[in-house]
Amino acid sequence: MPDERAAIAARLTPALLRIGRLVRPASGELAVGHFSTLATLHRRGPQRPSDLARIERFAPPAVARVVGALEDRGLVVRRPSPDDARSSLVEITEAGTALLASARAEQAEAVARLLAVLDADELETLSGALGVLERVASEAGAGQAAAGR
C-alpha cells in the first residue's frame, strides 16, 4: 500500500500544481501568498502573525510583509490580542472577504473551462473523488492546526 500511495502521489502532485497555475485569478488582484493568507483568515478567523507564519509556511519577515501589504489595501486589520498585550491578531475585512469571493469565483470559472474536455463518465468519476480530496485537505488542515496549538 505505501508503494501505491507513493505512485498516486507522484502522479497527483504535478497535476495539482499545473491546475493550480492554470486557475490563478487572472485579475492580478492578489499574489499567491496574499490569496492564501486571506483564505486562511477567512477559514480560521483572526490569527496571530506567528500562527499565520506557521500555517502559511512563511518566515516571520515574509508574513510581516504580506500582512502589511494586505493591510495597506484594507483587506485585513490588526487588532490587539485580548490575551497577550504584546501580540496582535490579524483579521480579514469585508473588503478582503469580497475580494476573496471574487477571486474564488474566477477560479471556479477557470476550473469549469478545464472540465469542459471531460465526458459524462469522467465527470462522474471526478465527482466521486471530490469527497476523498476534500477529506485529505480537511485532515491536513486539522493536523496543521493541532500541531501548532
N, C-alpha and C. Protein backbone atom coordinates (compact mmCIF):
# COMPACT_ATOMS: atom_id res chain seq x y z
N MET A 1 0.80 -1.20 0.00
CA MET A 1 0.00 0.00 0.00
C MET A 1 0.85 1.28 0.00
N PRO A 2 1.98 1.31 0.75
CA PRO A 2 2.81 2.52 0.70
C PRO A 2 3.32 2.83 -0.70
N ASP A 3 3.68 1.76 -1.48
CA ASP A 3 4.14 1.98 -2.85
C ASP A 3 3.03 2.55 -3.71
N GLU A 4 1.80 2.08 -3.49
CA GLU A 4 0.64 2.59 -4.24
C GLU A 4 0.39 4.06 -3.90
N ARG A 5 0.50 4.40 -2.61
CA ARG A 5 0.34 5.81 -2.21
C ARG A 5 1.40 6.69 -2.87
N ALA A 6 2.64 6.19 -2.88
CA ALA A 6 3.74 6.96 -3.48
C ALA A 6 3.51 7.14 -4.98
N ALA A 7 3.02 6.11 -5.64
CA ALA A 7 2.78 6.21 -7.08
C ALA A 7 1.64 7.19 -7.37
N ILE A 8 0.59 7.13 -6.56
CA ILE A 8 -0.52 8.08 -6.73
C ILE A 8 -0.03 9.50 -6.46
N ALA A 9 0.74 9.66 -5.40
CA ALA A 9 1.26 10.99 -5.06
C ALA A 9 2.15 11.54 -6.18
N ALA A 10 2.95 10.67 -6.77
CA ALA A 10 3.84 11.10 -7.85
C ALA A 10 3.05 11.58 -9.07
N ARG A 11 1.91 10.98 -9.34
CA ARG A 11 1.07 11.42 -10.47
C ARG A 11 0.21 12.63 -10.10
N LEU A 12 -0.30 12.63 -8.87
CA LEU A 12 -1.23 13.68 -8.45
C LEU A 12 -0.53 15.03 -8.27
N THR A 13 0.67 15.01 -7.73
CA THR A 13 1.37 16.26 -7.43
C THR A 13 1.54 17.17 -8.64
N PRO A 14 2.13 16.72 -9.74
CA PRO A 14 2.28 17.64 -10.87
C PRO A 14 0.93 18.07 -11.46
N ALA A 15 -0.06 17.17 -11.43
CA ALA A 15 -1.37 17.54 -11.96
C ALA A 15 -1.98 18.67 -11.12
N LEU A 16 -1.91 18.54 -9.80
CA LEU A 16 -2.44 19.59 -8.93
C LEU A 16 -1.70 20.91 -9.12
N LEU A 17 -0.39 20.83 -9.24
CA LEU A 17 0.41 22.05 -9.42
C LEU A 17 0.10 22.74 -10.75
N ARG A 18 -0.03 21.95 -11.83
CA ARG A 18 -0.37 22.54 -13.13
C ARG A 18 -1.75 23.18 -13.09
N ILE A 19 -2.72 22.46 -12.53
CA ILE A 19 -4.07 23.01 -12.43
C ILE A 19 -4.05 24.27 -11.58
N GLY A 20 -3.31 24.25 -10.49
CA GLY A 20 -3.21 25.44 -9.63
C GLY A 20 -2.70 26.65 -10.39
N ARG A 21 -1.70 26.45 -11.22
CA ARG A 21 -1.17 27.56 -12.02
C ARG A 21 -2.20 28.04 -13.04
N LEU A 22 -2.94 27.10 -13.61
CA LEU A 22 -3.93 27.45 -14.65
C LEU A 22 -5.14 28.19 -14.10
N VAL A 23 -5.42 28.03 -12.83
CA VAL A 23 -6.64 28.64 -12.28
C VAL A 23 -6.35 29.83 -11.38
N ARG A 24 -5.11 30.29 -11.35
CA ARG A 24 -4.84 31.51 -10.60
C ARG A 24 -5.68 32.63 -11.17
N PRO A 25 -6.25 33.46 -10.30
CA PRO A 25 -7.04 34.57 -10.83
C PRO A 25 -6.22 35.43 -11.77
N ALA A 26 -6.77 35.70 -12.93
CA ALA A 26 -6.06 36.49 -13.94
C ALA A 26 -6.13 37.97 -13.64
N SER A 27 -6.98 38.35 -12.72
CA SER A 27 -7.18 39.77 -12.43
C SER A 27 -5.93 40.43 -11.87
N GLY A 28 -5.02 39.63 -11.34
CA GLY A 28 -3.81 40.21 -10.78
C GLY A 28 -4.04 40.91 -9.46
N GLU A 29 -5.22 40.74 -8.90
CA GLU A 29 -5.54 41.40 -7.64
C GLU A 29 -4.67 40.93 -6.48
N LEU A 30 -4.38 39.64 -6.46
CA LEU A 30 -3.67 39.07 -5.32
C LEU A 30 -2.51 38.19 -5.76
N ALA A 31 -1.39 38.34 -5.09
CA ALA A 31 -0.29 37.38 -5.25
C ALA A 31 -0.73 36.08 -4.57
N VAL A 32 -0.11 34.98 -4.92
CA VAL A 32 -0.49 33.68 -4.38
C VAL A 32 -0.44 33.68 -2.85
N GLY A 33 0.63 34.20 -2.28
CA GLY A 33 0.75 34.24 -0.82
C GLY A 33 -0.30 35.13 -0.17
N HIS A 34 -0.67 36.21 -0.85
CA HIS A 34 -1.71 37.10 -0.32
C HIS A 34 -3.06 36.39 -0.33
N PHE A 35 -3.36 35.72 -1.45
CA PHE A 35 -4.61 34.99 -1.58
C PHE A 35 -4.69 33.91 -0.51
N SER A 36 -3.62 33.16 -0.34
CA SER A 36 -3.60 32.08 0.64
C SER A 36 -3.79 32.62 2.06
N THR A 37 -3.16 33.73 2.37
CA THR A 37 -3.30 34.33 3.70
C THR A 37 -4.74 34.79 3.94
N LEU A 38 -5.34 35.44 2.95
CA LEU A 38 -6.74 35.84 3.09
C LEU A 38 -7.64 34.61 3.28
N ALA A 39 -7.40 33.56 2.50
CA ALA A 39 -8.21 32.35 2.61
C ALA A 39 -8.07 31.73 4.00
N THR A 40 -6.87 31.72 4.54
CA THR A 40 -6.65 31.19 5.88
C THR A 40 -7.41 32.01 6.91
N LEU A 41 -7.34 33.32 6.80
CA LEU A 41 -8.05 34.18 7.76
C LEU A 41 -9.56 34.02 7.63
N HIS A 42 -10.03 33.84 6.42
CA HIS A 42 -11.47 33.64 6.20
C HIS A 42 -11.92 32.31 6.81
N ARG A 43 -11.11 31.27 6.62
CA ARG A 43 -11.46 29.92 7.07
C ARG A 43 -11.27 29.76 8.58
N ARG A 44 -10.21 30.34 9.13
CA ARG A 44 -9.84 30.07 10.52
C ARG A 44 -10.15 31.23 11.47
N GLY A 45 -10.49 32.39 10.92
CA GLY A 45 -10.72 33.54 11.79
C GLY A 45 -9.42 34.25 12.11
N PRO A 46 -9.49 35.26 12.98
CA PRO A 46 -8.30 36.05 13.30
C PRO A 46 -7.14 35.18 13.79
N GLN A 47 -5.94 35.54 13.37
CA GLN A 47 -4.73 34.77 13.71
C GLN A 47 -3.61 35.70 14.14
N ARG A 48 -2.77 35.20 15.02
CA ARG A 48 -1.53 35.93 15.34
C ARG A 48 -0.60 35.81 14.14
N PRO A 49 0.24 36.80 13.91
CA PRO A 49 1.21 36.70 12.81
C PRO A 49 2.07 35.44 12.89
N SER A 50 2.45 35.04 14.09
CA SER A 50 3.27 33.83 14.23
C SER A 50 2.50 32.59 13.80
N ASP A 51 1.19 32.55 14.07
CA ASP A 51 0.37 31.42 13.62
C ASP A 51 0.23 31.43 12.10
N LEU A 52 0.05 32.62 11.54
CA LEU A 52 0.00 32.72 10.07
C LEU A 52 1.29 32.22 9.44
N ALA A 53 2.42 32.57 10.04
CA ALA A 53 3.71 32.12 9.52
C ALA A 53 3.78 30.60 9.50
N ARG A 54 3.32 29.96 10.57
CA ARG A 54 3.33 28.51 10.65
C ARG A 54 2.37 27.90 9.64
N ILE A 55 1.14 28.40 9.59
CA ILE A 55 0.11 27.85 8.70
C ILE A 55 0.52 28.01 7.23
N GLU A 56 0.99 29.21 6.89
CA GLU A 56 1.33 29.51 5.50
C GLU A 56 2.73 29.07 5.12
N ARG A 57 3.49 28.62 6.11
CA ARG A 57 4.88 28.21 5.90
C ARG A 57 5.73 29.36 5.34
N PHE A 58 5.53 30.50 5.97
CA PHE A 58 6.30 31.70 5.64
C PHE A 58 7.26 31.98 6.79
N ALA A 59 8.39 32.60 6.48
CA ALA A 59 9.25 33.12 7.53
C ALA A 59 8.55 34.34 8.14
N PRO A 60 8.77 34.60 9.43
CA PRO A 60 8.11 35.74 10.06
C PRO A 60 8.27 37.08 9.30
N PRO A 61 9.45 37.39 8.74
CA PRO A 61 9.54 38.64 7.98
C PRO A 61 8.62 38.65 6.75
N ALA A 62 8.44 37.48 6.12
CA ALA A 62 7.56 37.40 4.95
C ALA A 62 6.12 37.63 5.36
N VAL A 63 5.71 37.08 6.50
CA VAL A 63 4.35 37.30 6.99
C VAL A 63 4.14 38.77 7.27
N ALA A 64 5.13 39.41 7.86
CA ALA A 64 5.01 40.85 8.14
C ALA A 64 4.80 41.63 6.85
N ARG A 65 5.52 41.27 5.78
CA ARG A 65 5.36 41.96 4.50
C ARG A 65 3.98 41.70 3.89
N VAL A 66 3.54 40.44 3.93
CA VAL A 66 2.23 40.08 3.36
C VAL A 66 1.12 40.78 4.13
N VAL A 67 1.16 40.69 5.44
CA VAL A 67 0.12 41.34 6.26
C VAL A 67 0.16 42.85 6.05
N GLY A 68 1.34 43.43 5.97
CA GLY A 68 1.45 44.87 5.72
C GLY A 68 0.83 45.26 4.39
N ALA A 69 1.11 44.47 3.35
CA ALA A 69 0.55 44.76 2.02
C ALA A 69 -0.97 44.62 2.02
N LEU A 70 -1.47 43.59 2.68
CA LEU A 70 -2.93 43.39 2.75
C LEU A 70 -3.58 44.49 3.59
N GLU A 71 -2.90 44.88 4.64
CA GLU A 71 -3.42 45.95 5.50
C GLU A 71 -3.45 47.28 4.74
N ASP A 72 -2.41 47.56 3.97
CA ASP A 72 -2.37 48.80 3.17
C ASP A 72 -3.54 48.88 2.19
N ARG A 73 -4.00 47.74 1.72
CA ARG A 73 -5.12 47.70 0.76
C ARG A 73 -6.47 47.60 1.45
N GLY A 74 -6.47 47.57 2.78
CA GLY A 74 -7.72 47.49 3.52
C GLY A 74 -8.35 46.11 3.51
N LEU A 75 -7.56 45.08 3.23
CA LEU A 75 -8.08 43.72 3.15
C LEU A 75 -7.99 42.98 4.48
N VAL A 76 -7.12 43.44 5.37
CA VAL A 76 -7.02 42.91 6.73
C VAL A 76 -6.82 44.07 7.69
N VAL A 77 -7.10 43.81 8.96
CA VAL A 77 -6.79 44.76 10.03
C VAL A 77 -6.06 44.00 11.12
N ARG A 78 -5.24 44.75 11.85
CA ARG A 78 -4.58 44.18 13.02
C ARG A 78 -5.28 44.74 14.25
N ARG A 79 -5.54 43.87 15.19
CA ARG A 79 -6.17 44.27 16.44
C ARG A 79 -5.31 43.73 17.58
N PRO A 80 -5.34 44.43 18.72
CA PRO A 80 -4.60 43.90 19.87
C PRO A 80 -5.15 42.52 20.27
N SER A 81 -4.28 41.64 20.65
CA SER A 81 -4.70 40.32 21.11
C SER A 81 -5.33 40.46 22.49
N PRO A 82 -6.51 39.89 22.70
CA PRO A 82 -7.16 40.04 24.00
C PRO A 82 -6.43 39.30 25.13
N ASP A 83 -5.63 38.30 24.80
CA ASP A 83 -4.96 37.52 25.84
C ASP A 83 -3.45 37.70 25.88
N ASP A 84 -2.91 38.60 25.06
CA ASP A 84 -1.47 38.86 25.07
C ASP A 84 -1.23 40.27 24.55
N ALA A 85 -0.95 41.18 25.45
CA ALA A 85 -0.79 42.59 25.10
C ALA A 85 0.40 42.82 24.16
N ARG A 86 1.33 41.87 24.09
CA ARG A 86 2.50 42.04 23.22
C ARG A 86 2.23 41.60 21.80
N SER A 87 1.09 40.97 21.57
CA SER A 87 0.79 40.40 20.27
C SER A 87 -0.44 41.05 19.65
N SER A 88 -0.61 40.79 18.37
CA SER A 88 -1.80 41.29 17.68
C SER A 88 -2.46 40.13 16.96
N LEU A 89 -3.71 40.36 16.58
CA LEU A 89 -4.43 39.41 15.76
C LEU A 89 -4.69 40.06 14.41
N VAL A 90 -4.55 39.29 13.36
CA VAL A 90 -4.82 39.76 12.00
C VAL A 90 -6.19 39.21 11.63
N GLU A 91 -7.05 40.10 11.13
CA GLU A 91 -8.42 39.73 10.80
C GLU A 91 -8.77 40.21 9.40
N ILE A 92 -9.47 39.39 8.64
CA ILE A 92 -9.90 39.76 7.30
C ILE A 92 -11.04 40.79 7.41
N THR A 93 -11.04 41.76 6.51
CA THR A 93 -12.10 42.78 6.49
C THR A 93 -13.19 42.38 5.50
N GLU A 94 -14.26 43.16 5.47
CA GLU A 94 -15.31 42.93 4.47
C GLU A 94 -14.75 43.04 3.06
N ALA A 95 -13.87 44.01 2.84
CA ALA A 95 -13.26 44.17 1.52
C ALA A 95 -12.41 42.96 1.17
N GLY A 96 -11.70 42.42 2.15
CA GLY A 96 -10.89 41.21 1.93
C GLY A 96 -11.76 40.02 1.60
N THR A 97 -12.87 39.88 2.31
CA THR A 97 -13.80 38.78 2.06
C THR A 97 -14.40 38.90 0.67
N ALA A 98 -14.76 40.13 0.26
CA ALA A 98 -15.34 40.33 -1.07
C ALA A 98 -14.33 40.02 -2.17
N LEU A 99 -13.09 40.46 -2.00
CA LEU A 99 -12.06 40.18 -2.99
C LEU A 99 -11.77 38.68 -3.06
N LEU A 100 -11.74 38.02 -1.93
CA LEU A 100 -11.53 36.58 -1.88
C LEU A 100 -12.66 35.85 -2.62
N ALA A 101 -13.89 36.26 -2.38
CA ALA A 101 -15.04 35.63 -3.06
C ALA A 101 -14.95 35.84 -4.56
N SER A 102 -14.57 37.02 -4.98
CA SER A 102 -14.44 37.31 -6.41
C SER A 102 -13.34 36.44 -7.04
N ALA A 103 -12.21 36.34 -6.37
CA ALA A 103 -11.11 35.53 -6.89
C ALA A 103 -11.51 34.06 -6.94
N ARG A 104 -12.23 33.58 -5.93
CA ARG A 104 -12.66 32.18 -5.94
C ARG A 104 -13.65 31.92 -7.07
N ALA A 105 -14.54 32.87 -7.32
CA ALA A 105 -15.49 32.71 -8.42
C ALA A 105 -14.75 32.64 -9.75
N GLU A 106 -13.73 33.50 -9.90
CA GLU A 106 -12.91 33.48 -11.12
C GLU A 106 -12.19 32.14 -11.26
N GLN A 107 -11.69 31.61 -10.14
CA GLN A 107 -11.03 30.31 -10.19
C GLN A 107 -12.01 29.19 -10.55
N ALA A 108 -13.21 29.23 -9.98
CA ALA A 108 -14.21 28.21 -10.29
C ALA A 108 -14.57 28.24 -11.77
N GLU A 109 -14.66 29.42 -12.34
CA GLU A 109 -14.93 29.53 -13.78
C GLU A 109 -13.79 28.93 -14.60
N ALA A 110 -12.56 29.16 -14.15
CA ALA A 110 -11.41 28.60 -14.85
C ALA A 110 -11.41 27.08 -14.76
N VAL A 111 -11.75 26.54 -13.60
CA VAL A 111 -11.82 25.08 -13.45
C VAL A 111 -12.92 24.52 -14.33
N ALA A 112 -14.08 25.19 -14.37
CA ALA A 112 -15.18 24.73 -15.23
C ALA A 112 -14.75 24.66 -16.68
N ARG A 113 -13.96 25.64 -17.12
CA ARG A 113 -13.45 25.60 -18.50
C ARG A 113 -12.53 24.40 -18.71
N LEU A 114 -11.70 24.10 -17.72
CA LEU A 114 -10.81 22.94 -17.83
C LEU A 114 -11.61 21.63 -17.87
N LEU A 115 -12.70 21.57 -17.12
CA LEU A 115 -13.51 20.36 -17.06
C LEU A 115 -14.34 20.13 -18.32
N ALA A 116 -14.41 21.12 -19.18
CA ALA A 116 -15.21 21.01 -20.40
C ALA A 116 -14.72 19.87 -21.31
N VAL A 117 -13.48 19.44 -21.16
CA VAL A 117 -12.96 18.36 -22.01
C VAL A 117 -13.40 16.98 -21.54
N LEU A 118 -14.02 16.90 -20.34
CA LEU A 118 -14.40 15.60 -19.79
C LEU A 118 -15.78 15.18 -20.27
N ASP A 119 -15.93 13.88 -20.50
CA ASP A 119 -17.26 13.36 -20.85
C ASP A 119 -18.02 13.07 -19.55
N ALA A 120 -19.26 12.63 -19.67
CA ALA A 120 -20.13 12.42 -18.51
C ALA A 120 -19.54 11.39 -17.54
N ASP A 121 -18.97 10.31 -18.05
CA ASP A 121 -18.39 9.27 -17.19
C ASP A 121 -17.18 9.82 -16.42
N GLU A 122 -16.35 10.59 -17.10
CA GLU A 122 -15.18 11.18 -16.44
C GLU A 122 -15.61 12.18 -15.37
N LEU A 123 -16.64 12.97 -15.66
CA LEU A 123 -17.15 13.91 -14.66
C LEU A 123 -17.68 13.17 -13.44
N GLU A 124 -18.36 12.06 -13.67
CA GLU A 124 -18.88 11.26 -12.56
C GLU A 124 -17.73 10.70 -11.72
N THR A 125 -16.69 10.23 -12.38
CA THR A 125 -15.52 9.71 -11.66
C THR A 125 -14.88 10.82 -10.82
N LEU A 126 -14.72 11.99 -11.43
CA LEU A 126 -14.14 13.11 -10.70
C LEU A 126 -15.02 13.52 -9.54
N SER A 127 -16.31 13.56 -9.75
CA SER A 127 -17.24 13.91 -8.68
C SER A 127 -17.11 12.95 -7.51
N GLY A 128 -16.95 11.68 -7.80
CA GLY A 128 -16.77 10.68 -6.75
C GLY A 128 -15.48 10.87 -5.98
N ALA A 129 -14.46 11.37 -6.64
CA ALA A 129 -13.17 11.58 -5.98
C ALA A 129 -13.13 12.86 -5.15
N LEU A 130 -14.04 13.78 -5.40
CA LEU A 130 -14.01 15.05 -4.69
C LEU A 130 -14.12 14.89 -3.18
N GLY A 131 -15.00 14.03 -2.73
CA GLY A 131 -15.15 13.82 -1.29
C GLY A 131 -13.85 13.36 -0.66
N VAL A 132 -13.15 12.48 -1.35
CA VAL A 132 -11.87 11.98 -0.84
C VAL A 132 -10.84 13.11 -0.79
N LEU A 133 -10.76 13.89 -1.86
CA LEU A 133 -9.80 15.01 -1.88
C LEU A 133 -10.15 16.05 -0.82
N GLU A 134 -11.43 16.33 -0.64
CA GLU A 134 -11.85 17.29 0.40
C GLU A 134 -11.48 16.77 1.78
N ARG A 135 -11.62 15.47 2.00
CA ARG A 135 -11.24 14.89 3.29
C ARG A 135 -9.73 15.01 3.52
N VAL A 136 -8.95 14.73 2.47
CA VAL A 136 -7.50 14.87 2.60
C VAL A 136 -7.14 16.31 2.97
N ALA A 137 -7.74 17.27 2.30
CA ALA A 137 -7.47 18.68 2.59
C ALA A 137 -7.90 19.04 4.01
N SER A 138 -9.06 18.56 4.41
CA SER A 138 -9.58 18.85 5.75
C SER A 138 -8.69 18.24 6.83
N GLU A 139 -8.32 16.99 6.64
CA GLU A 139 -7.45 16.31 7.62
C GLU A 139 -6.09 17.00 7.72
N ALA A 140 -5.57 17.43 6.57
CA ALA A 140 -4.28 18.12 6.58
C ALA A 140 -4.40 19.42 7.35
N GLY A 141 -5.48 20.17 7.11
CA GLY A 141 -5.70 21.42 7.83
C GLY A 141 -5.88 21.21 9.31
N ALA A 142 -6.61 20.17 9.69
CA ALA A 142 -6.82 19.86 11.11
C ALA A 142 -5.49 19.45 11.76
N GLY A 143 -4.69 18.68 11.03
CA GLY A 143 -3.39 18.28 11.57
C GLY A 143 -2.47 19.47 11.77
N GLN A 144 -2.50 20.42 10.84
CA GLN A 144 -1.70 21.64 10.98
C GLN A 144 -2.14 22.42 12.19
N ALA A 145 -3.44 22.57 12.37
CA ALA A 145 -3.98 23.34 13.48
C ALA A 145 -3.60 22.69 14.80
N ALA A 146 -3.70 21.36 14.89
CA ALA A 146 -3.37 20.66 16.13
C ALA A 146 -1.88 20.74 16.44
N ALA A 147 -1.05 20.70 15.41
CA ALA A 147 0.40 20.74 15.62
C ALA A 147 0.87 22.10 16.12
N GLY A 148 0.14 23.14 15.77
CA GLY A 148 0.59 24.49 16.12
C GLY A 148 0.00 25.04 17.40
N ARG A 149 -0.90 24.31 18.03
CA ARG A 149 -1.55 24.90 19.22
C ARG A 149 -1.42 24.02 20.41
